[in-house]
Amino acid sequence: MKKSTITLFVIGAILILLAGWVTVQYNGMVDNDEKVSTAWANVESQYQRRSDLIPNLVNTVKGYATHERETLEGVVAARARATQITVSPENLTPERLAEFQQAQGELSAALGRLMRITENYPQLRANENFSELQAQLEGTENRINESRRLFNEAVQAYNLSIRRFPGNVFASLFGFERRAKFEAEAGAEKAPEVNF
């Protein structure tokens, strides 16, 4: 074989290996990006589940606690605000995620107030429908926490893949950008005050 043929063969093999390596890098980033999108969809699904439980819970409480109208209306209004804010996986900026988190936090606070007033109504707490709804809501809160944890893990894997060398080179070439994680709400580092 001629020297030029061997050189062309080596150059061609190197180019094929390089193209394969770039493809593997790119596909890995796409896989991680899709994992983030799926994890985000799971978070939204759990928040939707909670949102779907709220009207039944409010209606059950309404039958027992008619003079607690302000609290009931607060829960309904917080639910409406929380369901109006949507964040697509392509728009997971820290600002949009913070806005979403704030609306969900307001809904959690309103639900907390609702649960506190139910303590004044022993007949409500004894109601089987209310107890079942409360248990479903508690289970949903646990699912939300787990979904957020899994989302943060997916975001971490994605962010690491686009920040480490040589992934960072390909990420900048192909337009992959960092994603925001769920963070604790402001004031969450302080223990709640309990008075007896």
N, C-alpha and C. Protein backbone atom coordinates (compact mmCIF):
# COMPACT_ATOMS: atom_id res chain seq x y z
N MET A 1 0.83 -1.18 0.00
CA MET A 1 0.00 0.00 0.00
C MET A 1 0.88 1.24 0.00
N LYS A 2 0.34 2.21 -0.63
CA LYS A 2 1.07 3.47 -0.68
C LYS A 2 0.96 4.20 0.64
N LYS A 3 1.95 5.01 0.87
CA LYS A 3 1.99 5.79 2.10
C LYS A 3 0.80 6.75 2.18
N SER A 4 0.41 7.33 1.07
CA SER A 4 -0.72 8.26 1.05
C SER A 4 -2.04 7.54 1.34
N THR A 5 -2.19 6.30 0.91
CA THR A 5 -3.39 5.52 1.18
C THR A 5 -3.49 5.20 2.66
N ILE A 6 -2.39 4.84 3.28
CA ILE A 6 -2.35 4.54 4.71
C ILE A 6 -2.68 5.80 5.50
N THR A 7 -2.14 6.92 5.09
CA THR A 7 -2.40 8.19 5.76
C THR A 7 -3.88 8.53 5.66
N LEU A 8 -4.46 8.38 4.47
CA LEU A 8 -5.89 8.65 4.31
C LEU A 8 -6.73 7.71 5.17
N PHE A 9 -6.33 6.45 5.25
CA PHE A 9 -7.05 5.46 6.05
C PHE A 9 -6.99 5.86 7.53
N VAL A 10 -5.83 6.25 8.02
CA VAL A 10 -5.67 6.66 9.42
C VAL A 10 -6.49 7.92 9.70
N ILE A 11 -6.42 8.88 8.81
CA ILE A 11 -7.18 10.13 8.98
C ILE A 11 -8.68 9.81 8.98
N GLY A 12 -9.11 8.96 8.07
CA GLY A 12 -10.53 8.57 8.00
C GLY A 12 -10.97 7.86 9.28
N ALA A 13 -10.13 6.95 9.80
CA ALA A 13 -10.45 6.24 11.04
C ALA A 13 -10.54 7.21 12.22
N ILE A 14 -9.63 8.17 12.27
CA ILE A 14 -9.66 9.17 13.34
C ILE A 14 -10.92 10.01 13.25
N LEU A 15 -11.28 10.42 12.03
CA LEU A 15 -12.50 11.22 11.85
C LEU A 15 -13.75 10.43 12.24
N ILE A 16 -13.78 9.14 11.91
CA ILE A 16 -14.93 8.31 12.28
C ILE A 16 -15.02 8.16 13.79
N LEU A 17 -13.86 7.91 14.43
CA LEU A 17 -13.85 7.81 15.89
C LEU A 17 -14.26 9.12 16.54
N LEU A 18 -13.79 10.23 16.02
CA LEU A 18 -14.14 11.55 16.55
C LEU A 18 -15.63 11.81 16.38
N ALA A 19 -16.17 11.49 15.22
CA ALA A 19 -17.61 11.69 14.97
C ALA A 19 -18.43 10.81 15.92
N GLY A 20 -17.97 9.58 16.14
CA GLY A 20 -18.66 8.69 17.08
C GLY A 20 -18.62 9.23 18.50
N TRP A 21 -17.47 9.75 18.90
CA TRP A 21 -17.31 10.31 20.24
C TRP A 21 -18.20 11.54 20.42
N VAL A 22 -18.27 12.43 19.43
CA VAL A 22 -19.13 13.62 19.49
C VAL A 22 -20.59 13.18 19.58
N THR A 23 -20.95 12.16 18.82
CA THR A 23 -22.32 11.66 18.84
C THR A 23 -22.68 11.12 20.23
N VAL A 24 -21.78 10.37 20.83
CA VAL A 24 -22.03 9.83 22.17
C VAL A 24 -22.17 10.97 23.18
N GLN A 25 -21.32 11.98 23.10
CA GLN A 25 -21.40 13.13 24.01
C GLN A 25 -22.74 13.85 23.84
N TYR A 26 -23.11 14.12 22.60
CA TYR A 26 -24.34 14.84 22.32
C TYR A 26 -25.55 14.04 22.80
N ASN A 27 -25.59 12.75 22.46
CA ASN A 27 -26.72 11.92 22.86
C ASN A 27 -26.82 11.79 24.37
N GLY A 28 -25.70 11.77 25.07
CA GLY A 28 -25.71 11.74 26.52
C GLY A 28 -26.35 13.00 27.10
N MET A 29 -26.05 14.14 26.51
CA MET A 29 -26.65 15.40 26.97
C MET A 29 -28.15 15.42 26.67
N VAL A 30 -28.53 14.91 25.52
CA VAL A 30 -29.95 14.85 25.17
C VAL A 30 -30.68 13.91 26.14
N ASP A 31 -30.08 12.77 26.45
CA ASP A 31 -30.68 11.84 27.42
C ASP A 31 -30.88 12.52 28.77
N ASN A 32 -29.87 13.20 29.26
CA ASN A 32 -29.98 13.89 30.55
C ASN A 32 -31.01 15.00 30.50
N ASP A 33 -31.08 15.70 29.38
CA ASP A 33 -32.08 16.76 29.22
C ASP A 33 -33.49 16.17 29.27
N GLU A 34 -33.69 15.04 28.62
CA GLU A 34 -34.99 14.38 28.64
C GLU A 34 -35.34 13.86 30.04
N LYS A 35 -34.35 13.42 30.77
CA LYS A 35 -34.60 12.98 32.16
C LYS A 35 -35.07 14.15 33.01
N VAL A 36 -34.51 15.33 32.78
CA VAL A 36 -34.95 16.52 33.50
C VAL A 36 -36.39 16.84 33.13
N SER A 37 -36.71 16.78 31.83
CA SER A 37 -38.08 17.06 31.39
C SER A 37 -39.07 16.07 31.98
N THR A 38 -38.71 14.81 32.02
CA THR A 38 -39.58 13.79 32.59
C THR A 38 -39.75 14.00 34.08
N ALA A 39 -38.67 14.28 34.77
CA ALA A 39 -38.75 14.52 36.20
C ALA A 39 -39.62 15.74 36.50
N TRP A 40 -39.50 16.77 35.65
CA TRP A 40 -40.34 17.97 35.84
C TRP A 40 -41.81 17.62 35.62
N ALA A 41 -42.10 16.82 34.62
CA ALA A 41 -43.49 16.40 34.38
C ALA A 41 -44.04 15.64 35.59
N ASN A 42 -43.19 14.84 36.23
CA ASN A 42 -43.63 14.11 37.42
C ASN A 42 -43.91 15.06 38.58
N VAL A 43 -43.10 16.10 38.72
CA VAL A 43 -43.35 17.11 39.76
C VAL A 43 -44.69 17.77 39.50
N GLU A 44 -44.91 18.21 38.26
CA GLU A 44 -46.17 18.86 37.93
C GLU A 44 -47.36 17.93 38.14
N SER A 45 -47.18 16.67 37.84
CA SER A 45 -48.25 15.69 38.04
C SER A 45 -48.64 15.59 39.50
N GLN A 46 -47.66 15.59 40.39
CA GLN A 46 -47.97 15.51 41.82
C GLN A 46 -48.63 16.79 42.33
N TYR A 47 -48.18 17.93 41.83
CA TYR A 47 -48.85 19.18 42.20
C TYR A 47 -50.28 19.21 41.67
N GLN A 48 -50.48 18.66 40.48
CA GLN A 48 -51.83 18.59 39.93
C GLN A 48 -52.72 17.69 40.77
N ARG A 49 -52.16 16.58 41.23
CA ARG A 49 -52.91 15.67 42.10
C ARG A 49 -53.36 16.41 43.36
N ARG A 50 -52.46 17.18 43.96
CA ARG A 50 -52.82 17.95 45.15
C ARG A 50 -53.91 18.96 44.81
N SER A 51 -53.73 19.63 43.70
CA SER A 51 -54.71 20.62 43.28
C SER A 51 -56.09 20.00 43.06
N ASP A 52 -56.11 18.80 42.53
CA ASP A 52 -57.38 18.10 42.29
C ASP A 52 -58.07 17.68 43.59
N LEU A 53 -57.30 17.43 44.64
CA LEU A 53 -57.89 17.04 45.92
C LEU A 53 -58.50 18.22 46.67
N ILE A 54 -58.01 19.41 46.42
CA ILE A 54 -58.39 20.57 47.22
C ILE A 54 -59.89 20.88 47.15
N PRO A 55 -60.54 20.90 45.98
CA PRO A 55 -61.98 21.22 45.98
C PRO A 55 -62.79 20.25 46.85
N ASN A 56 -62.47 18.97 46.82
CA ASN A 56 -63.19 18.02 47.66
C ASN A 56 -62.95 18.30 49.14
N LEU A 57 -61.72 18.62 49.48
CA LEU A 57 -61.38 18.92 50.86
C LEU A 57 -62.11 20.17 51.33
N VAL A 58 -62.08 21.22 50.51
CA VAL A 58 -62.75 22.47 50.86
C VAL A 58 -64.25 22.25 51.01
N ASN A 59 -64.86 21.51 50.11
CA ASN A 59 -66.30 21.26 50.20
C ASN A 59 -66.66 20.46 51.45
N THR A 60 -65.82 19.53 51.82
CA THR A 60 -66.07 18.75 53.04
C THR A 60 -65.99 19.64 54.27
N VAL A 61 -64.97 20.49 54.32
CA VAL A 61 -64.82 21.40 55.46
C VAL A 61 -65.93 22.42 55.47
N LYS A 62 -66.33 22.87 54.31
CA LYS A 62 -67.37 23.90 54.19
C LYS A 62 -68.66 23.46 54.90
N GLY A 63 -68.98 22.19 54.81
CA GLY A 63 -70.20 21.70 55.45
C GLY A 63 -70.16 21.80 56.96
N TYR A 64 -68.98 21.80 57.55
CA TYR A 64 -68.85 21.85 59.01
C TYR A 64 -68.45 23.21 59.52
N ALA A 65 -67.69 23.92 58.76
CA ALA A 65 -67.09 25.17 59.23
C ALA A 65 -67.53 26.34 58.36
N THR A 66 -68.83 26.58 58.34
CA THR A 66 -69.36 27.62 57.43
C THR A 66 -68.86 29.01 57.79
N HIS A 67 -68.58 29.29 59.07
CA HIS A 67 -68.13 30.64 59.41
C HIS A 67 -66.63 30.83 59.20
N GLU A 68 -65.94 29.85 58.66
CA GLU A 68 -64.51 29.96 58.34
C GLU A 68 -64.33 30.33 56.86
N ARG A 69 -65.24 31.11 56.36
CA ARG A 69 -65.28 31.45 54.94
C ARG A 69 -63.98 32.05 54.44
N GLU A 70 -63.35 32.92 55.22
CA GLU A 70 -62.11 33.58 54.79
C GLU A 70 -61.00 32.56 54.52
N THR A 71 -60.88 31.60 55.40
CA THR A 71 -59.85 30.57 55.22
C THR A 71 -60.15 29.73 53.99
N LEU A 72 -61.42 29.34 53.84
CA LEU A 72 -61.81 28.53 52.69
C LEU A 72 -61.57 29.27 51.38
N GLU A 73 -61.94 30.54 51.36
CA GLU A 73 -61.72 31.33 50.16
C GLU A 73 -60.23 31.52 49.88
N GLY A 74 -59.42 31.62 50.95
CA GLY A 74 -57.98 31.74 50.79
C GLY A 74 -57.38 30.51 50.13
N VAL A 75 -57.87 29.33 50.51
CA VAL A 75 -57.38 28.09 49.91
C VAL A 75 -57.75 28.05 48.43
N VAL A 76 -58.99 28.40 48.13
CA VAL A 76 -59.45 28.38 46.73
C VAL A 76 -58.65 29.38 45.89
N ALA A 77 -58.42 30.57 46.44
CA ALA A 77 -57.66 31.59 45.70
C ALA A 77 -56.20 31.15 45.51
N ALA A 78 -55.60 30.57 46.54
CA ALA A 78 -54.21 30.10 46.42
C ALA A 78 -54.11 28.98 45.39
N ARG A 79 -55.12 28.10 45.37
CA ARG A 79 -55.15 27.02 44.38
C ARG A 79 -55.22 27.61 42.97
N ALA A 80 -56.06 28.62 42.80
CA ALA A 80 -56.20 29.25 41.48
C ALA A 80 -54.88 29.86 41.03
N ARG A 81 -54.19 30.56 41.93
CA ARG A 81 -52.89 31.16 41.57
C ARG A 81 -51.87 30.09 41.23
N ALA A 82 -51.86 29.04 42.02
CA ALA A 82 -50.87 27.97 41.81
C ALA A 82 -51.09 27.25 40.49
N THR A 83 -52.34 27.09 40.08
CA THR A 83 -52.60 26.37 38.83
C THR A 83 -52.42 27.27 37.61
N GLN A 84 -52.37 28.57 37.81
CA GLN A 84 -52.18 29.49 36.68
C GLN A 84 -50.72 29.55 36.24
N ILE A 85 -49.81 29.27 37.15
CA ILE A 85 -48.38 29.36 36.83
C ILE A 85 -47.92 28.01 36.30
N THR A 86 -47.52 28.02 35.05
CA THR A 86 -46.99 26.80 34.45
C THR A 86 -45.58 27.08 33.96
N VAL A 87 -44.75 26.09 34.10
CA VAL A 87 -43.36 26.21 33.66
C VAL A 87 -43.07 25.01 32.77
N SER A 88 -42.71 25.29 31.54
CA SER A 88 -42.39 24.19 30.63
C SER A 88 -40.94 23.76 30.87
N PRO A 89 -40.62 22.51 30.52
CA PRO A 89 -39.24 22.04 30.71
C PRO A 89 -38.22 22.90 29.95
N GLU A 90 -38.65 23.51 28.86
CA GLU A 90 -37.73 24.36 28.08
C GLU A 90 -37.50 25.71 28.75
N ASN A 91 -38.37 26.07 29.71
CA ASN A 91 -38.29 27.38 30.33
C ASN A 91 -38.04 27.25 31.83
N LEU A 92 -37.22 26.31 32.24
CA LEU A 92 -36.94 26.09 33.66
C LEU A 92 -35.84 27.04 34.13
N THR A 93 -36.10 28.32 34.04
CA THR A 93 -35.14 29.31 34.52
C THR A 93 -35.29 29.44 36.03
N PRO A 94 -34.26 29.90 36.71
CA PRO A 94 -34.39 30.09 38.16
C PRO A 94 -35.55 31.03 38.54
N GLU A 95 -35.79 32.04 37.73
CA GLU A 95 -36.86 32.99 38.02
C GLU A 95 -38.23 32.33 37.91
N ARG A 96 -38.46 31.58 36.83
CA ARG A 96 -39.75 30.89 36.63
C ARG A 96 -39.96 29.82 37.69
N LEU A 97 -38.90 29.11 38.02
CA LEU A 97 -39.00 28.07 39.04
C LEU A 97 -39.31 28.69 40.41
N ALA A 98 -38.69 29.84 40.71
CA ALA A 98 -38.96 30.53 41.98
C ALA A 98 -40.41 31.01 42.03
N GLU A 99 -40.91 31.52 40.91
CA GLU A 99 -42.30 31.97 40.84
C GLU A 99 -43.26 30.79 41.06
N PHE A 100 -42.95 29.67 40.43
CA PHE A 100 -43.76 28.47 40.59
C PHE A 100 -43.72 28.01 42.04
N GLN A 101 -42.52 27.97 42.61
CA GLN A 101 -42.35 27.55 44.00
C GLN A 101 -43.10 28.46 44.96
N GLN A 102 -43.08 29.76 44.70
CA GLN A 102 -43.75 30.70 45.58
C GLN A 102 -45.25 30.45 45.56
N ALA A 103 -45.83 30.25 44.38
CA ALA A 103 -47.27 30.00 44.28
C ALA A 103 -47.63 28.69 44.98
N GLN A 104 -46.81 27.67 44.81
CA GLN A 104 -47.08 26.39 45.48
C GLN A 104 -46.90 26.53 46.99
N GLY A 105 -45.94 27.35 47.41
CA GLY A 105 -45.74 27.60 48.83
C GLY A 105 -46.92 28.31 49.46
N GLU A 106 -47.51 29.26 48.72
CA GLU A 106 -48.70 29.96 49.20
C GLU A 106 -49.86 28.97 49.36
N LEU A 107 -49.97 28.05 48.42
CA LEU A 107 -51.03 27.04 48.51
C LEU A 107 -50.78 26.13 49.71
N SER A 108 -49.54 25.73 49.93
CA SER A 108 -49.22 24.90 51.10
C SER A 108 -49.56 25.63 52.40
N ALA A 109 -49.26 26.92 52.47
CA ALA A 109 -49.58 27.71 53.66
C ALA A 109 -51.08 27.80 53.87
N ALA A 110 -51.83 28.01 52.79
CA ALA A 110 -53.29 28.08 52.89
C ALA A 110 -53.87 26.74 53.34
N LEU A 111 -53.32 25.65 52.83
CA LEU A 111 -53.77 24.33 53.27
C LEU A 111 -53.44 24.11 54.74
N GLY A 112 -52.30 24.59 55.17
CA GLY A 112 -51.92 24.49 56.58
C GLY A 112 -52.92 25.21 57.47
N ARG A 113 -53.35 26.41 57.05
CA ARG A 113 -54.35 27.15 57.82
C ARG A 113 -55.67 26.39 57.85
N LEU A 114 -56.03 25.79 56.73
CA LEU A 114 -57.26 25.01 56.65
C LEU A 114 -57.20 23.83 57.62
N MET A 115 -56.07 23.14 57.65
CA MET A 115 -55.94 22.00 58.55
C MET A 115 -55.97 22.43 60.01
N ARG A 116 -55.43 23.61 60.31
CA ARG A 116 -55.45 24.09 61.69
C ARG A 116 -56.87 24.39 62.15
N ILE A 117 -57.70 24.98 61.27
CA ILE A 117 -59.06 25.29 61.72
C ILE A 117 -59.89 24.02 61.91
N THR A 118 -59.53 22.96 61.21
CA THR A 118 -60.31 21.73 61.37
C THR A 118 -60.14 21.14 62.77
N GLU A 119 -59.08 21.54 63.47
CA GLU A 119 -58.88 21.06 64.83
C GLU A 119 -59.99 21.54 65.76
N ASN A 120 -60.68 22.62 65.38
CA ASN A 120 -61.78 23.15 66.19
C ASN A 120 -63.09 22.41 65.96
N TYR A 121 -63.09 21.46 65.05
CA TYR A 121 -64.32 20.77 64.69
C TYR A 121 -64.14 19.25 64.82
N PRO A 122 -64.36 18.73 66.04
CA PRO A 122 -64.16 17.29 66.25
C PRO A 122 -65.04 16.44 65.34
N GLN A 123 -66.25 16.89 65.06
CA GLN A 123 -67.13 16.11 64.20
C GLN A 123 -66.58 16.05 62.78
N LEU A 124 -65.86 17.08 62.34
CA LEU A 124 -65.24 17.07 61.01
C LEU A 124 -64.07 16.09 60.98
N ARG A 125 -63.26 16.12 62.02
CA ARG A 125 -62.12 15.20 62.07
C ARG A 125 -62.58 13.75 62.11
N ALA A 126 -63.76 13.52 62.66
CA ALA A 126 -64.30 12.15 62.74
C ALA A 126 -64.95 11.73 61.43
N ASN A 127 -65.19 12.69 60.52
CA ASN A 127 -65.84 12.38 59.25
C ASN A 127 -64.92 11.52 58.39
N GLU A 128 -65.44 10.39 57.94
CA GLU A 128 -64.64 9.43 57.18
C GLU A 128 -64.13 10.04 55.87
N ASN A 129 -64.98 10.80 55.18
CA ASN A 129 -64.58 11.42 53.92
C ASN A 129 -63.43 12.41 54.14
N PHE A 130 -63.54 13.22 55.20
CA PHE A 130 -62.48 14.17 55.51
C PHE A 130 -61.18 13.45 55.84
N SER A 131 -61.28 12.40 56.66
CA SER A 131 -60.08 11.64 57.05
C SER A 131 -59.40 11.05 55.83
N GLU A 132 -60.19 10.53 54.91
CA GLU A 132 -59.62 9.94 53.69
C GLU A 132 -58.95 11.01 52.83
N LEU A 133 -59.62 12.16 52.69
CA LEU A 133 -59.04 13.25 51.90
C LEU A 133 -57.75 13.77 52.55
N GLN A 134 -57.77 13.87 53.87
CA GLN A 134 -56.57 14.33 54.58
C GLN A 134 -55.42 13.35 54.38
N ALA A 135 -55.70 12.07 54.45
CA ALA A 135 -54.66 11.06 54.23
C ALA A 135 -54.13 11.12 52.80
N GLN A 136 -55.03 11.32 51.84
CA GLN A 136 -54.59 11.44 50.44
C GLN A 136 -53.71 12.67 50.26
N LEU A 137 -54.10 13.76 50.90
CA LEU A 137 -53.32 15.00 50.79
C LEU A 137 -51.93 14.81 51.42
N GLU A 138 -51.86 14.16 52.56
CA GLU A 138 -50.56 13.91 53.19
C GLU A 138 -49.70 13.02 52.29
N GLY A 139 -50.31 11.99 51.72
CA GLY A 139 -49.57 11.12 50.80
C GLY A 139 -49.09 11.88 49.57
N THR A 140 -49.92 12.78 49.09
CA THR A 140 -49.55 13.59 47.93
C THR A 140 -48.39 14.52 48.27
N GLU A 141 -48.39 15.09 49.46
CA GLU A 141 -47.28 15.95 49.88
C GLU A 141 -45.98 15.15 49.89
N ASN A 142 -46.05 13.90 50.36
CA ASN A 142 -44.86 13.04 50.33
C ASN A 142 -44.43 12.76 48.90
N ARG A 143 -45.38 12.53 48.02
CA ARG A 143 -45.06 12.30 46.60
C ARG A 143 -44.44 13.53 45.97
N ILE A 144 -44.94 14.70 46.34
CA ILE A 144 -44.37 15.95 45.82
C ILE A 144 -42.91 16.06 46.25
N ASN A 145 -42.65 15.82 47.53
CA ASN A 145 -41.26 15.89 48.02
C ASN A 145 -40.36 14.91 47.29
N GLU A 146 -40.85 13.69 47.07
CA GLU A 146 -40.04 12.68 46.36
C GLU A 146 -39.82 13.10 44.90
N SER A 147 -40.86 13.62 44.26
CA SER A 147 -40.72 14.07 42.87
C SER A 147 -39.73 15.21 42.76
N ARG A 148 -39.77 16.13 43.72
CA ARG A 148 -38.81 17.24 43.69
C ARG A 148 -37.39 16.73 43.91
N ARG A 149 -37.22 15.75 44.79
CA ARG A 149 -35.89 15.18 45.02
C ARG A 149 -35.37 14.53 43.74
N LEU A 150 -36.22 13.75 43.08
CA LEU A 150 -35.81 13.10 41.83
C LEU A 150 -35.52 14.12 40.73
N PHE A 151 -36.32 15.18 40.70
CA PHE A 151 -36.08 16.26 39.73
C PHE A 151 -34.71 16.89 39.98
N ASN A 152 -34.41 17.19 41.24
CA ASN A 152 -33.11 17.80 41.56
C ASN A 152 -31.96 16.87 41.18
N GLU A 153 -32.14 15.57 41.37
CA GLU A 153 -31.09 14.62 40.97
C GLU A 153 -30.90 14.62 39.45
N ALA A 154 -32.01 14.67 38.71
CA ALA A 154 -31.92 14.70 37.25
C ALA A 154 -31.25 15.99 36.78
N VAL A 155 -31.59 17.10 37.41
CA VAL A 155 -30.98 18.38 37.06
C VAL A 155 -29.48 18.35 37.38
N GLN A 156 -29.13 17.76 38.52
CA GLN A 156 -27.72 17.68 38.88
C GLN A 156 -26.93 16.87 37.85
N ALA A 157 -27.47 15.72 37.44
CA ALA A 157 -26.77 14.89 36.44
C ALA A 157 -26.64 15.65 35.12
N TYR A 158 -27.70 16.33 34.71
CA TYR A 158 -27.66 17.11 33.47
C TYR A 158 -26.63 18.24 33.57
N ASN A 159 -26.71 19.02 34.66
CA ASN A 159 -25.80 20.15 34.82
C ASN A 159 -24.34 19.69 34.86
N LEU A 160 -24.09 18.57 35.53
CA LEU A 160 -22.73 18.04 35.56
C LEU A 160 -22.26 17.64 34.15
N SER A 161 -23.16 17.04 33.38
CA SER A 161 -22.76 16.59 32.04
C SER A 161 -22.43 17.75 31.11
N ILE A 162 -23.05 18.90 31.33
CA ILE A 162 -22.77 20.04 30.44
C ILE A 162 -21.70 20.97 31.00
N ARG A 163 -21.29 20.76 32.25
CA ARG A 163 -20.27 21.63 32.84
C ARG A 163 -18.89 21.00 32.86
N ARG A 164 -18.82 19.66 32.83
CA ARG A 164 -17.53 18.98 32.86
C ARG A 164 -16.91 18.97 31.47
N PHE A 165 -15.60 18.98 31.45
CA PHE A 165 -14.88 18.88 30.19
C PHE A 165 -14.92 17.43 29.73
N PRO A 166 -15.12 17.15 28.51
CA PRO A 166 -15.29 17.99 27.33
C PRO A 166 -16.76 18.32 27.05
N GLY A 167 -17.66 17.87 27.94
CA GLY A 167 -19.08 18.15 27.73
C GLY A 167 -19.39 19.62 27.63
N ASN A 168 -18.66 20.44 28.39
CA ASN A 168 -18.92 21.87 28.35
C ASN A 168 -18.66 22.47 26.97
N VAL A 169 -17.71 21.91 26.25
CA VAL A 169 -17.42 22.39 24.89
C VAL A 169 -18.61 22.08 23.98
N PHE A 170 -19.08 20.84 24.05
CA PHE A 170 -20.22 20.45 23.21
C PHE A 170 -21.50 21.15 23.65
N ALA A 171 -21.66 21.36 24.95
CA ALA A 171 -22.85 22.04 25.44
C ALA A 171 -22.93 23.45 24.88
N SER A 172 -21.80 24.15 24.86
CA SER A 172 -21.81 25.51 24.31
C SER A 172 -22.02 25.49 22.79
N LEU A 173 -21.49 24.48 22.12
CA LEU A 173 -21.68 24.37 20.67
C LEU A 173 -23.14 24.08 20.31
N PHE A 174 -23.80 23.22 21.11
CA PHE A 174 -25.15 22.79 20.77
C PHE A 174 -26.24 23.50 21.57
N GLY A 175 -25.88 24.47 22.39
CA GLY A 175 -26.87 25.31 23.07
C GLY A 175 -27.50 24.71 24.32
N PHE A 176 -26.83 23.75 24.95
CA PHE A 176 -27.34 23.21 26.21
C PHE A 176 -26.99 24.18 27.33
N GLU A 177 -27.99 24.52 28.17
CA GLU A 177 -27.77 25.47 29.25
C GLU A 177 -28.14 24.85 30.58
N ARG A 178 -27.55 25.39 31.65
CA ARG A 178 -27.83 24.89 33.00
C ARG A 178 -29.31 25.00 33.33
N ARG A 179 -29.79 24.08 34.15
CA ARG A 179 -31.17 24.08 34.63
C ARG A 179 -31.18 24.43 36.11
N ALA A 180 -32.27 25.02 36.54
CA ALA A 180 -32.43 25.40 37.94
C ALA A 180 -33.00 24.22 38.73
N LYS A 181 -32.65 24.17 40.01
CA LYS A 181 -33.15 23.14 40.91
C LYS A 181 -34.20 23.75 41.84
N PHE A 182 -34.98 22.87 42.45
CA PHE A 182 -35.85 23.31 43.53
C PHE A 182 -34.96 23.65 44.71
N GLU A 183 -35.26 24.73 45.39
CA GLU A 183 -34.51 25.11 46.57
C GLU A 183 -35.50 25.30 47.71
N ALA A 184 -34.99 25.26 48.91
CA ALA A 184 -35.85 25.46 50.08
C ALA A 184 -36.44 26.86 50.03
N GLU A 185 -37.65 26.98 50.55
CA GLU A 185 -38.30 28.28 50.59
C GLU A 185 -37.59 29.19 51.59
N ALA A 186 -37.70 30.48 51.37
CA ALA A 186 -37.09 31.44 52.29
C ALA A 186 -37.66 31.23 53.68
N GLY A 187 -36.79 31.19 54.67
CA GLY A 187 -37.22 30.99 56.05
C GLY A 187 -37.33 29.53 56.46
N ALA A 188 -37.10 28.62 55.54
CA ALA A 188 -37.23 27.20 55.85
C ALA A 188 -36.15 26.72 56.81
N GLU A 189 -35.07 27.49 56.93
CA GLU A 189 -33.99 27.07 57.82
C GLU A 189 -34.35 27.28 59.29
N LYS A 190 -35.40 28.05 59.57
CA LYS A 190 -35.83 28.32 60.94
C LYS A 190 -36.84 27.26 61.36
N ALA A 191 -36.65 26.73 62.55
CA ALA A 191 -37.60 25.74 63.06
C ALA A 191 -38.92 26.43 63.40
N PRO A 192 -40.05 25.77 63.11
CA PRO A 192 -41.32 26.38 63.45
C PRO A 192 -41.50 26.46 64.97
N GLU A 193 -42.19 27.50 65.41
CA GLU A 193 -42.42 27.69 66.83
C GLU A 193 -43.67 26.90 67.21
N VAL A 194 -43.55 26.14 68.30
CA VAL A 194 -44.68 25.35 68.77
C VAL A 194 -45.04 25.82 70.16
N ASN A 195 -46.30 26.22 70.33
CA ASN A 195 -46.79 26.70 71.64
C ASN A 195 -47.89 25.77 72.14
N PHE A 196 -47.82 25.43 73.41
CA PHE A 196 -48.87 24.61 74.01
C PHE A 196 -49.59 25.41 75.06
